Amino acid sequence: MFFEYIANLLYVLTIRKLSTRWRAMLVFATGGALFGYAITNEYGNLGAGWTFGNYGFWGGLLRVMFAFPAGLLLSRVFRKRKVRGAF
């Protein structure tokens, strides 16, 4: 919940003001950083963010800073399109 709180604060302060192109670049950059983290951490997976020790803070922050803007980007891209079977 801590990282989601940070993501919501960043959304209010900056992410919601980004254009679709800048938001896509943010998702691409954090996705690359998350991939780098996944292959270089000592465990070899993305099970980070449960503790502040052993770079858990940075792993958790990368996880939320990829997933949260990615969902916002998908929402913005598909908002204007009609998707059959969507709510």
C-alpha atoms as a PDB file:
ATOM      1  CA  MET A   1       0.000   0.000   0.000  1.00  0.00           C
ATOM      2  CA  PHE A   2       2.936   2.312   0.659  1.00  0.00           C
ATOM      3  CA  PHE A   3       4.053   2.246  -2.972  1.00  0.00           C
ATOM      4  CA  GLU A   4       0.512   2.703  -4.254  1.00  0.00           C
ATOM      5  CA  TYR A   5       0.220   5.754  -2.028  1.00  0.00           C
ATOM      6  CA  ILE A   6       3.397   7.151  -3.596  1.00  0.00           C
ATOM      7  CA  ALA A   7       2.058   6.397  -7.080  1.00  0.00           C
ATOM      8  CA  ASN A   8      -1.200   8.200  -6.327  1.00  0.00           C
ATOM      9  CA  LEU A   9       0.703  11.232  -5.031  1.00  0.00           C
ATOM     10  CA  LEU A  10       2.836  11.293  -8.175  1.00  0.00           C
ATOM     11  CA  TYR A  11      -0.310  10.963 -10.263  1.00  0.00           C
ATOM     12  CA  VAL A  12      -1.865  14.000  -8.626  1.00  0.00           C
ATOM     13  CA  LEU A  13       1.316  16.051  -8.885  1.00  0.00           C
ATOM     14  CA  THR A  14       2.715  15.107 -12.303  1.00  0.00           C
ATOM     15  CA  ILE A  15       1.543  12.007 -14.167  1.00  0.00           C
ATOM     16  CA  ARG A  16      -1.984  13.213 -14.941  1.00  0.00           C
ATOM     17  CA  LYS A  17      -0.553  16.272 -16.697  1.00  0.00           C
ATOM     18  CA  LEU A  18       1.620  14.233 -19.067  1.00  0.00           C
ATOM     19  CA  SER A  19       0.623  13.848 -22.684  1.00  0.00           C
ATOM     20  CA  THR A  20       0.059  10.383 -24.117  1.00  0.00           C
ATOM     21  CA  ARG A  21       3.505  10.413 -25.731  1.00  0.00           C
ATOM     22  CA  TRP A  22       5.303  11.360 -22.496  1.00  0.00           C
ATOM     23  CA  ARG A  23       3.290   8.830 -20.554  1.00  0.00           C
ATOM     24  CA  ALA A  24       4.268   6.123 -23.063  1.00  0.00           C
ATOM     25  CA  MET A  25       7.924   7.131 -22.692  1.00  0.00           C
ATOM     26  CA  LEU A  26       7.582   6.917 -18.903  1.00  0.00           C
ATOM     27  CA  VAL A  27       6.119   3.415 -19.188  1.00  0.00           C
ATOM     28  CA  PHE A  28       8.868   2.369 -21.601  1.00  0.00           C
ATOM     29  CA  ALA A  29      11.633   3.771 -19.376  1.00  0.00           C
ATOM     30  CA  THR A  30      10.313   2.250 -16.168  1.00  0.00           C
ATOM     31  CA  GLY A  31       9.674  -1.042 -17.958  1.00  0.00           C
ATOM     32  CA  GLY A  32      13.297  -1.121 -19.072  1.00  0.00           C
ATOM     33  CA  ALA A  33      14.492  -0.279 -15.579  1.00  0.00           C
ATOM     34  CA  LEU A  34      12.224  -2.965 -14.137  1.00  0.00           C
ATOM     35  CA  PHE A  35      13.584  -5.513 -16.607  1.00  0.00           C
ATOM     36  CA  GLY A  36      17.136  -4.537 -15.657  1.00  0.00           C
ATOM     37  CA  TYR A  37      16.281  -4.878 -11.998  1.00  0.00           C
ATOM     38  CA  ALA A  38      14.715  -8.300 -12.536  1.00  0.00           C
ATOM     39  CA  ILE A  39      17.778  -9.768 -14.240  1.00  0.00           C
ATOM     40  CA  THR A  40      20.373  -8.171 -11.960  1.00  0.00           C
ATOM     41  CA  ASN A  41      18.949  -8.586  -8.463  1.00  0.00           C
ATOM     42  CA  GLU A  42      20.201 -11.435  -6.335  1.00  0.00           C
ATOM     43  CA  TYR A  43      16.933 -13.398  -6.452  1.00  0.00           C
ATOM     44  CA  GLY A  44      16.302 -13.151 -10.190  1.00  0.00           C
ATOM     45  CA  ASN A  45      12.635 -12.242  -9.866  1.00  0.00           C
ATOM     46  CA  LEU A  46      10.342  -9.310  -9.164  1.00  0.00           C
ATOM     47  CA  GLY A  47       9.400 -10.319  -5.637  1.00  0.00           C
ATOM     48  CA  ALA A  48      10.551  -6.980  -4.259  1.00  0.00           C
ATOM     49  CA  GLY A  49       8.892  -4.305  -2.234  1.00  0.00           C
ATOM     50  CA  TRP A  50       8.030  -6.360   0.815  1.00  0.00           C
ATOM     51  CA  THR A  51      10.882  -4.921   2.851  1.00  0.00           C
ATOM     52  CA  PHE A  52      13.199  -1.949   2.712  1.00  0.00           C
ATOM     53  CA  GLY A  53      16.285  -4.156   2.988  1.00  0.00           C
ATOM     54  CA  ASN A  54      18.294  -5.495   0.036  1.00  0.00           C
ATOM     55  CA  TYR A  55      17.017  -2.882  -2.424  1.00  0.00           C
ATOM     56  CA  GLY A  56      13.408  -3.851  -1.738  1.00  0.00           C
ATOM     57  CA  PHE A  57      12.372  -0.209  -1.729  1.00  0.00           C
ATOM     58  CA  TRP A  58      13.693   0.411  -5.248  1.00  0.00           C
ATOM     59  CA  GLY A  59      12.232  -2.822  -6.565  1.00  0.00           C
ATOM     60  CA  GLY A  60       8.813  -2.020  -5.168  1.00  0.00           C
ATOM     61  CA  LEU A  61       8.975   1.515  -6.482  1.00  0.00           C
ATOM     62  CA  LEU A  62       9.917   0.275  -9.953  1.00  0.00           C
ATOM     63  CA  ARG A  63       7.073  -2.239  -9.899  1.00  0.00           C
ATOM     64  CA  VAL A  64       4.447   0.363  -9.117  1.00  0.00           C
ATOM     65  CA  MET A  65       5.977   3.039 -11.361  1.00  0.00           C
ATOM     66  CA  PHE A  66       5.677   0.686 -14.319  1.00  0.00           C
ATOM     67  CA  ALA A  67       2.266  -0.838 -13.636  1.00  0.00           C
ATOM     68  CA  PHE A  68       0.390   2.278 -12.520  1.00  0.00           C
ATOM     69  CA  PRO A  69       1.303   4.524 -15.503  1.00  0.00           C
ATOM     70  CA  ALA A  70       0.847   1.548 -17.861  1.00  0.00           C
ATOM     71  CA  GLY A  71      -2.746   1.201 -16.693  1.00  0.00           C
ATOM     72  CA  LEU A  72      -3.288   4.928 -17.070  1.00  0.00           C
ATOM     73  CA  LEU A  73      -1.818   4.815 -20.572  1.00  0.00           C
ATOM     74  CA  LEU A  74      -4.081   1.935 -21.586  1.00  0.00           C
ATOM     75  CA  SER A  75      -7.054   3.798 -20.168  1.00  0.00           C
ATOM     76  CA  ARG A  76      -6.221   6.899 -22.172  1.00  0.00           C
ATOM     77  CA  VAL A  77      -5.540   5.030 -25.413  1.00  0.00           C
ATOM     78  CA  PHE A  78      -8.690   2.904 -25.286  1.00  0.00           C
ATOM     79  CA  ARG A  79     -11.001   5.577 -23.868  1.00  0.00           C
ATOM     80  CA  LYS A  80     -11.860   6.920 -27.314  1.00  0.00           C
ATOM     81  CA  ARG A  81     -12.197   3.502 -28.924  1.00  0.00           C
ATOM     82  CA  LYS A  82     -15.208   1.300 -28.591  1.00  0.00           C
ATOM     83  CA  VAL A  83     -14.225  -2.142 -27.420  1.00  0.00           C
ATOM     84  CA  ARG A  84     -16.816  -4.822 -27.943  1.00  0.00           C
ATOM     85  CA  GLY A  85     -17.827  -6.482 -24.681  1.00  0.00           C
ATOM     86  CA  ALA A  86     -16.345  -3.757 -22.474  1.00  0.00           C
ATOM     87  CA  PHE A  87     -18.296  -2.150 -19.667  1.00  0.00           C
END
